[in-house]
Protein backbone atom coordinates (compact mmCIF):
# COMPACT_ATOMS: atom_id res chain seq x y z
CA MET A 1 64.46 75.65 29.26
CA SER A 2 67.12 74.00 31.46
CA ASN A 3 70.80 74.51 30.32
CA PRO A 4 72.94 71.54 31.49
CA LEU A 5 76.12 73.67 31.34
CA THR A 6 74.56 76.44 33.52
CA ASN A 7 73.24 73.84 35.94
CA ALA A 8 76.71 72.24 36.35
CA VAL A 9 78.27 75.72 36.98
CA ASN A 10 75.48 76.67 39.48
CA ALA A 11 75.80 73.40 41.33
CA LYS A 12 79.58 73.09 41.47
CA GLY A 13 81.09 76.46 40.53
CA SER A 14 83.13 77.10 37.33
CA ILE A 15 86.42 75.62 38.53
CA ALA A 16 84.90 72.49 40.07
CA ALA A 17 82.84 72.08 36.86
CA LEU A 18 85.99 72.12 34.79
CA ASN A 19 87.56 69.49 37.27
CA ARG A 20 84.48 67.41 36.77
CA ALA A 21 84.84 67.49 32.92
CA ARG A 22 88.49 66.35 33.31
CA LEU A 23 87.43 63.43 35.57
CA ILE A 24 84.69 62.37 33.18
CA THR A 25 87.30 61.37 30.56
CA ARG A 26 88.70 58.92 33.12
CA ARG A 27 85.49 57.45 34.28
CA TYR A 28 83.76 56.96 30.98
CA GLY A 29 84.96 55.33 27.68
CA PRO A 30 83.86 55.48 24.05
CA SER A 31 81.89 52.25 24.54
CA PRO A 32 79.89 51.11 27.58
CA ALA A 33 82.66 48.67 28.54
CA LYS A 34 84.18 50.79 31.28
CA MET A 35 80.82 51.60 32.93
CA ALA A 36 79.83 47.90 32.55
CA ARG A 37 82.91 47.01 34.57
CA ALA A 38 81.99 49.56 37.21
CA LEU A 39 78.37 48.24 37.36
CA THR A 40 79.66 44.70 37.63
CA LEU A 41 81.93 45.65 40.48
CA PHE A 42 78.98 47.39 42.22
CA ILE A 43 76.75 44.45 41.97
CA GLU A 44 79.38 41.97 43.01
CA THR A 45 79.96 44.02 46.12
CA LEU A 46 76.24 44.06 46.87
CA ARG A 47 75.98 40.27 46.23
CA THR A 48 78.57 39.56 48.93
CA PHE A 49 76.06 40.97 51.46
CA ASP A 50 72.86 39.72 49.65
CA CYS A 51 71.81 43.19 48.76
CA ASP A 52 70.28 44.81 45.70
CA ALA A 53 70.30 48.39 44.58
CA THR A 54 68.31 51.13 42.69
CA PHE A 55 69.94 52.94 39.78
CA PRO A 56 68.01 55.91 38.40
CA VAL A 57 69.03 56.25 34.70
CA THR A 58 68.04 58.78 32.04
CA ALA A 59 65.73 57.48 29.34
CA VAL A 60 67.99 58.58 26.51
CA THR A 61 70.75 56.34 27.99
CA VAL A 62 68.28 53.53 28.11
CA ALA A 63 67.40 54.11 24.48
CA ARG A 64 71.04 53.92 23.43
CA HIS A 65 72.02 50.86 25.49
CA PRO A 66 68.87 48.85 26.31
CA ALA A 67 70.59 45.39 26.26
CA VAL A 68 73.25 46.50 28.78
CA LEU A 69 70.64 47.70 31.33
CA GLU A 70 68.27 44.83 30.78
CA LYS A 71 71.10 42.42 31.75
CA TYR A 72 71.46 44.15 35.08
CA GLN A 73 67.71 44.19 35.72
CA ALA A 74 67.74 40.43 35.32
CA GLN A 75 70.30 40.39 38.10
CA GLY A 76 67.99 42.07 40.56
CA ILE A 77 68.86 45.78 40.02
CA GLU A 78 66.01 48.26 40.00
CA PHE A 79 66.10 50.97 37.46
CA ALA A 80 64.19 54.11 38.25
CA ILE A 81 63.65 56.92 35.75
CA HIS A 82 66.22 59.83 36.02
CA GLY A 83 64.37 62.03 33.61
CA TYR A 84 64.01 61.66 29.91
CA THR A 85 67.20 63.76 29.48
CA HIS A 86 69.54 65.14 32.23
CA VAL A 87 67.93 68.48 32.79
CA ASP A 88 66.71 70.55 35.83
CA TYR A 89 63.04 69.65 35.85
CA ALA A 90 62.23 72.62 38.05
CA ARG A 91 63.02 74.90 35.10
CA LEU A 92 60.66 73.14 32.74
CA ALA A 93 57.12 74.22 32.13
CA ALA A 94 54.45 71.82 33.48
CA GLU A 95 53.51 70.51 29.91
CA GLU A 96 57.19 69.89 29.16
CA GLN A 97 57.59 67.93 32.45
CA SER A 98 54.56 65.72 31.52
CA ALA A 99 55.91 65.24 28.00
CA HIS A 100 59.33 64.18 29.30
CA LEU A 101 57.79 61.71 31.77
CA ARG A 102 55.49 60.12 29.06
CA ARG A 103 58.41 59.73 26.66
CA ALA A 104 60.67 58.33 29.46
CA ARG A 105 58.05 55.76 30.35
CA GLN A 106 57.76 54.70 26.64
CA VAL A 107 61.49 54.26 26.31
CA PHE A 108 61.66 52.08 29.55
CA GLU A 109 58.77 49.92 28.34
CA ARG A 110 60.27 49.32 25.02
CA ALA A 111 63.58 48.30 26.72
CA GLY A 112 61.75 45.89 28.96
CA LEU A 113 62.64 47.90 32.11
CA ALA A 114 60.01 48.15 34.83
CA ALA A 115 60.15 51.56 36.48
CA THR A 116 57.96 52.69 39.30
CA GLY A 117 60.08 55.44 40.75
CA PHE A 118 61.64 58.75 39.71
CA ARG A 119 64.62 60.73 40.72
CA SER A 120 65.28 64.09 39.19
CA PRO A 121 68.62 65.13 37.79
CA TYR A 122 70.28 67.53 40.35
CA LEU A 123 67.51 66.49 42.81
CA GLN A 124 65.51 69.41 41.60
CA GLY A 125 61.80 69.64 41.19
CA ASN A 126 58.65 71.73 41.95
CA ALA A 127 54.96 71.32 42.63
CA ASP A 128 54.20 70.86 38.91
CA LEU A 129 56.64 67.98 38.66
CA TYR A 130 54.97 66.18 41.59
CA THR A 131 51.56 66.70 40.00
CA ALA A 132 52.91 65.25 36.68
CA LEU A 133 54.47 62.31 38.57
CA GLN A 134 51.10 61.49 40.21
CA ALA A 135 49.30 61.76 36.94
CA ALA A 136 51.79 59.49 35.34
CA GLY A 137 51.26 56.81 37.91
CA PHE A 138 54.67 56.78 39.62
CA ALA A 139 54.76 55.00 43.04
CA TYR A 140 57.57 57.00 44.53
CA VAL A 141 59.94 59.90 44.03
CA SER A 142 63.41 60.29 45.55
CA ASN A 143 64.30 63.93 45.19
CA GLN A 144 64.41 65.33 48.73
CA SER A 145 67.82 65.42 50.23
CA ILE A 146 68.68 65.30 53.87
CA MET A 147 71.99 66.49 55.27
CA TRP A 148 73.84 64.75 58.07
CA ASP A 149 76.53 66.54 60.07
CA VAL A 150 79.17 63.83 59.70
CA VAL A 151 82.19 65.62 58.21
CA ASP A 152 84.68 67.67 60.22
CA MET A 153 84.98 70.66 57.90
CA ALA A 154 87.67 72.23 60.09
CA THR A 155 90.12 69.83 58.55
CA ALA A 156 89.26 70.82 55.00
CA ALA A 157 91.12 73.35 52.94
CA PRO A 158 89.15 76.68 52.35
CA PRO A 159 88.43 75.99 48.69
CA ALA A 160 87.05 72.51 49.51
CA ARG A 161 84.91 73.98 52.30
CA ALA A 162 83.46 76.58 49.87
CA ARG A 163 82.58 73.76 47.32
CA TYR A 164 81.00 71.72 50.00
CA LYS A 165 78.92 74.68 51.28
CA ARG A 166 77.95 75.52 47.71
CA ALA A 167 76.51 71.96 47.20
CA ARG A 168 74.66 72.24 50.47
CA ALA A 169 73.07 75.61 49.45
CA TYR A 170 72.24 74.15 45.95
CA TYR A 171 70.38 71.08 47.20
CA VAL A 172 68.46 72.90 49.96
CA PRO A 173 68.43 69.71 52.03
CA TRP A 174 66.50 68.98 55.24
CA ASP A 175 68.66 69.14 58.36
CA ALA A 176 68.80 65.67 59.88
CA ALA A 177 69.06 67.19 63.34
CA VAL A 178 65.42 68.39 62.92
CA ARG A 179 63.70 66.26 60.24
CA LEU A 180 63.38 62.48 60.08
CA SER A 181 65.08 60.42 57.37
CA LEU A 182 61.91 58.52 56.60
CA PRO A 183 59.57 58.04 53.60
CA ARG A 184 56.52 60.14 53.69
CA PHE A 185 53.38 60.58 51.60
CA HIS A 186 53.12 63.40 49.05
CA GLY A 187 49.53 62.76 48.00
CA PRO A 188 49.60 59.26 46.47
CA LEU A 189 53.41 59.45 45.94
CA ILE A 190 55.88 58.34 48.43
CA GLU A 191 58.89 60.60 48.88
CA ILE A 192 61.97 58.71 49.79
CA PRO A 193 64.79 61.08 51.04
CA VAL A 194 68.34 60.89 49.79
CA CYS A 195 71.15 61.17 52.42
CA LEU A 196 73.93 63.70 52.05
CA PRO A 197 76.90 63.81 51.87
CA ASP A 198 77.06 61.48 48.91
CA ASP A 199 80.09 60.35 46.91
CA GLU A 200 80.13 63.50 44.71
CA MET A 201 80.34 65.78 47.82
CA LEU A 202 82.89 63.70 49.63
CA LEU A 203 85.20 63.03 46.66
CA ASP A 204 84.89 65.79 44.17
CA ARG A 205 83.93 68.64 46.56
CA LEU A 206 86.45 67.74 49.18
CA ASP A 207 89.16 66.74 46.73
CA GLY A 208 88.89 63.04 47.74
CA GLN A 209 91.10 63.73 50.71
CA SER A 210 91.16 60.14 51.69
CA ARG A 211 88.96 57.08 51.29
CA GLY A 212 88.73 57.05 55.02
CA LEU A 213 86.73 60.21 54.79
CA VAL A 214 84.02 58.43 52.82
CA VAL A 215 84.03 55.39 55.08
CA GLY A 216 83.85 57.47 58.26
CA ALA A 217 81.04 59.79 56.87
CA TRP A 218 78.89 56.85 55.73
CA GLN A 219 79.46 54.81 58.82
CA ARG A 220 78.36 57.72 61.02
CA ILE A 221 75.17 58.09 58.96
CA LEU A 222 74.53 54.42 59.29
CA ALA A 223 75.00 54.72 63.08
CA HIS A 224 72.65 57.70 63.39
CA THR A 225 69.87 56.12 61.30
CA TYR A 226 70.14 52.84 63.06
CA GLN A 227 69.90 54.44 66.52
CA ARG A 228 66.95 56.48 65.39
CA GLY A 229 65.22 53.67 63.51
CA GLU A 230 65.39 55.62 60.10
CA LEU A 231 66.46 55.15 56.51
CA PHE A 232 69.95 55.60 55.07
CA THR A 233 69.56 56.17 51.25
CA LEU A 234 73.17 55.89 50.31
CA GLN A 235 73.95 57.63 47.03
CA LEU A 236 77.02 56.26 45.17
CA HIS A 237 77.23 56.94 41.42
CA PRO A 238 78.50 53.85 39.71
CA GLU A 239 81.18 55.76 37.91
CA ARG A 240 82.98 56.27 41.31
CA VAL A 241 82.44 52.81 42.73
CA GLY A 242 86.13 51.96 42.15
CA LEU A 243 86.99 54.78 44.59
CA CYS A 244 84.28 53.86 47.04
CA ALA A 245 84.14 50.09 46.91
CA ASP A 246 85.92 49.80 50.31
CA ALA A 247 83.48 52.26 51.85
CA LEU A 248 80.47 50.46 50.44
CA THR A 249 81.79 47.20 51.71
CA ALA A 250 82.41 48.61 55.22
CA VAL A 251 78.93 50.10 55.47
CA LEU A 252 77.28 46.87 54.19
CA ALA A 253 79.37 44.67 56.55
CA GLU A 254 78.43 46.75 59.52
CA ALA A 255 74.81 46.91 58.57
CA ARG A 256 74.60 43.07 58.28
CA ALA A 257 76.26 42.65 61.74
CA LEU A 258 73.75 44.70 63.61
CA TRP A 259 70.86 43.33 65.55
CA PRO A 260 67.99 44.11 65.52
CA ALA A 261 68.60 43.94 61.88
CA VAL A 262 68.99 46.62 59.24
CA TRP A 263 66.61 46.01 56.34
CA CYS A 264 68.54 46.39 53.05
CA ALA A 265 66.11 47.03 50.22
CA ARG A 266 65.70 48.71 46.89
CA LEU A 267 63.64 51.88 46.69
CA ASP A 268 60.63 50.16 45.00
CA GLU A 269 60.53 47.71 47.90
CA ILE A 270 60.69 50.47 50.48
CA ALA A 271 57.94 52.39 48.75
CA ALA A 272 55.71 49.21 48.48
CA TRP A 273 56.32 48.50 52.20
CA TRP A 274 55.54 52.02 53.34
CA ALA A 275 52.29 52.08 51.40
CA ALA A 276 51.25 48.62 52.63
CA ARG A 277 52.24 49.49 56.21
CA ASP A 278 50.00 52.56 56.03
CA GLN A 279 47.02 50.32 55.47
CA ALA A 280 47.57 48.32 58.64
CA VAL A 281 44.56 48.27 60.93
CA ILE A 282 45.10 48.36 64.65
CA GLU A 283 42.22 47.77 67.06
CA ILE A 284 42.21 48.09 70.86
CA GLU A 285 39.32 47.46 73.18
CA GLU A 286 38.94 47.28 76.99
CA ALA A 287 38.98 43.82 78.53
CA GLY A 288 38.52 44.86 82.22
CA ASP A 289 41.04 45.03 85.16
CA ASP A 290 43.49 47.31 83.35
CA ARG A 291 43.49 44.86 80.48
CA PHE A 292 42.92 45.39 76.76
CA ARG A 293 42.59 43.27 73.74
CA LEU A 294 44.83 44.26 70.78
CA SER A 295 44.52 42.99 67.20
CA VAL A 296 46.69 44.00 64.21
CA ALA A 297 45.96 43.31 60.55
CA GLY A 298 48.83 44.37 58.40
CA PRO A 299 51.11 43.25 55.59
CA THR A 300 53.38 40.28 55.98
CA GLY A 301 56.36 41.33 58.28
CA THR A 302 54.28 43.69 60.42
CA THR A 303 55.99 44.09 63.79
CA VAL A 304 54.10 44.91 67.02
CA LEU A 305 56.26 46.51 69.66
CA VAL A 306 55.29 47.19 73.33
CA ARG A 307 56.94 48.60 76.38
CA GLY A 308 55.77 48.57 79.99
CA ILE A 309 53.03 46.10 79.18
CA ALA A 310 52.36 42.60 80.30
CA VAL A 311 51.10 40.44 77.42
CA ASP A 312 49.75 36.93 77.10
CA ALA A 313 51.75 36.16 73.91
CA PRO A 314 55.34 35.13 73.22
CA THR A 315 57.80 38.06 73.08
CA THR A 316 61.38 38.58 72.21
CA PRO A 317 63.61 41.47 73.40
CA TRP A 318 63.93 44.27 70.82
CA ALA A 319 65.50 47.72 71.48
CA ASP A 320 65.00 50.87 73.52
CA GLY A 321 63.00 49.09 76.21
CA TYR A 322 60.58 47.49 73.72
CA VAL A 323 59.74 43.85 73.16
CA LEU A 324 58.52 42.41 69.92
CA VAL A 325 55.13 40.63 70.39
CA MET A 326 55.00 37.44 68.27
CA ALA A 327 51.20 37.43 67.78
CA GLU A 328 48.67 39.51 65.80
CA THR A 329 46.02 39.28 68.55
CA PHE A 330 46.77 39.30 72.26
CA ILE A 331 45.75 40.60 75.71
CA GLY A 332 47.85 43.18 77.40
CA GLN A 333 47.76 44.74 80.84
CA ALA A 334 49.02 48.25 81.89
CA PRO A 335 47.83 50.87 84.49
CA VAL A 336 46.96 53.30 81.69
CA ARG A 337 45.77 53.00 78.18
CA PRO A 338 49.06 52.59 76.19
CA VAL A 339 48.22 55.05 73.44
CA VAL A 340 49.24 58.58 72.62
CA GLY A 341 46.34 60.93 73.49
CA LEU A 342 45.84 64.24 71.58
CA SER A 343 43.59 67.15 71.89
CA PRO A 344 41.09 67.58 69.04
CA ARG A 345 42.87 70.58 67.82
CA SER A 346 46.24 68.93 67.42
CA THR A 347 45.42 67.74 63.88
CA ALA A 348 48.83 68.13 62.26
CA LEU A 349 50.55 66.25 65.08
CA ALA A 350 47.88 63.49 64.90
CA GLU A 351 48.59 62.76 61.23
CA PHE A 352 52.33 62.76 61.87
CA LEU A 353 52.17 60.35 64.77
CA ARG A 354 49.87 58.01 62.86
CA GLN A 355 52.46 57.95 60.01
CA GLN A 356 54.89 56.80 62.77
CA SER A 357 52.55 54.00 63.61
CA TYR A 358 51.67 54.99 67.23
CA LEU A 359 48.26 54.22 68.51
CA VAL A 360 46.71 57.72 68.60
CA GLU A 361 43.46 58.71 70.18
CA THR A 362 41.85 62.16 70.10
CA GLY A 363 39.88 63.41 73.01
CA SER A 364 39.68 65.94 75.80
CA ASP A 365 40.49 63.74 78.77
CA PRO A 366 44.23 63.73 79.35
CA THR A 367 44.08 61.11 82.24
CA ARG A 368 42.74 58.36 79.91
CA CYS A 369 46.01 57.78 77.95
CA ALA A 370 49.67 57.04 78.77
CA CYS A 371 50.68 60.51 77.45
CA TYR A 372 48.60 63.51 76.18
CA PHE A 373 49.61 66.48 74.01
CA ASP A 374 47.83 69.69 73.24
CA ARG A 375 49.85 70.99 70.34
CA PRO A 376 47.70 72.96 67.91
CA ASP A 377 50.71 74.72 66.54
CA TRP A 378 52.92 71.66 65.97
CA ALA A 379 54.94 71.91 62.69
CA VAL A 380 57.40 69.58 60.81
CA GLY A 381 60.31 71.51 62.29
CA GLN A 382 59.41 69.76 65.62
CA GLU A 383 59.38 66.18 64.28
CA ARG A 384 62.47 64.99 66.07
CA ALA A 385 61.69 66.86 69.28
CA ILE A 386 58.21 65.30 69.71
CA LEU A 387 59.45 61.82 69.01
CA LEU A 388 62.28 62.28 71.54
CA GLU A 389 59.77 63.41 74.10
CA ILE A 390 57.66 60.28 73.49
CA GLU A 391 60.47 57.68 73.39
CA THR A 392 62.49 58.92 76.32
CA ALA A 393 59.52 58.80 78.70
CA GLN A 394 58.78 55.60 80.68
CA TYR A 395 55.03 55.14 80.19
CA PRO A 396 53.44 52.04 78.64
CA LEU A 397 53.18 52.26 74.90
CA ILE A 398 52.22 50.18 71.85
CA LYS A 399 53.38 50.95 68.31
CA ILE A 400 53.88 49.26 64.92
CA GLY A 401 57.62 48.90 63.87
CA ARG A 402 58.61 51.04 60.95
CA TRP A 403 60.27 48.31 59.06
CA PRO A 404 59.43 44.63 58.26
CA ASP A 405 60.23 41.53 60.26
CA GLY A 406 61.52 43.33 63.31
CA ALA A 407 64.21 45.38 61.55
CA ARG A 408 65.31 48.48 63.47
CA SER A 409 66.35 50.63 60.52
CA ALA A 410 66.67 50.41 56.71
CA LEU A 411 69.43 50.89 54.17
CA ALA A 412 68.95 51.59 50.43
CA ILE A 413 71.95 51.68 48.03
CA THR A 414 71.32 53.93 45.08
CA GLY A 415 73.42 55.45 42.28
CA ASP A 416 72.42 57.72 39.50
CA VAL A 417 73.50 56.54 36.03
CA ASP A 418 73.81 59.70 33.84
CA ALA A 419 75.58 57.99 31.01
CA LEU A 420 77.27 54.84 29.93
CA THR A 421 79.77 56.25 27.49
CA ILE A 422 81.67 59.48 27.15
CA TRP A 423 79.44 60.26 24.09
CA ASP A 424 76.41 59.92 26.18
CA TYR A 425 77.85 62.39 28.67
CA GLY A 426 78.80 64.86 25.94
CA LEU A 427 75.30 64.67 24.40
CA ARG A 428 73.65 65.55 27.72
CA PHE A 429 75.25 69.03 27.40
CA LEU A 430 73.43 69.43 24.05
CA GLY A 431 70.14 68.47 25.77
CA HIS A 432 70.12 64.80 24.30
């Protein structure tokens, strides 16, 4: 069985866990009023930039305060399930995990909260949990963390560096220098990564050195994800929004000022888009004289991007040498077939590139395509390297944009709600 006190010490260290307990008394009150003010401030900040958010919340908290949460759902907030109770689901037996999910779903349904997503407490899980989530019919899970190197740790005091390092070791995040910050399929589930450092790491682990630290770190993540066309899942616990409202405002203002646009969306919207985009059908056929006919059937918002190709349809400049084709069917002309060619034995790479919405053709003739790879040993640790190789080349290419309506990157604002009152928080340490 998962012990919340042990989990807190493992994640934070004993001294940091005690500091956390001290801060809890400031951030929560005996009634939901203090957290309601925090949630209202959070939502008002989002509304300024026409954004919504996803708040994963424990089912026991929903059961105690259904009316409070239903009010915010009516204002456009998505509530995902954050476990039945705030426990480490990796430490539960498979049957316990399934029972927790079933009970959590029942609580949310009784409260009138529609939940299609799940995020584990402590971002912990295992293969049994994913099996249980699939069986329970969840659309997405947001457990996998991805770490961005955006903090100059040389300026931090040694104890703060140690706490930060401990958090990184505890979460076992992907390295953003190697992996892509993008949704991906885990069977029928869609895994949506969570970006680190989050508010807890920046404020509590690094002693809240300055609010500029939070702003700077998050703006750098936004810049990286925008340049790479990826997803910034920003994690800000509502209890800390008073400390981070300036940082949230700065990130949202910068995101809204960028063009091509940043798509600001809830996690359920991102999951729905990723699933629909995966069903897009792209057909290309020869039309003679280095010409080809391309047709795309995809969800509303599907974006066709081309580079190095003359087309007979209206286009608008996009980014990175691509133009956006404003048609679903058109004739293009290029000296080579504008697709990524792969050897028949490059099966893992073929699946990955199709998920990135490149036109991929498998065959043995490397002269037929704009580029050709024979990579039978390709692995996920080479994700970023292979995309860099493709995108920095100059050959003609066609692909489907990752995000709807020509957006270059995406931003999701999330914040786990572990409790609404100090009593809720105390009860979680008793397993309630």
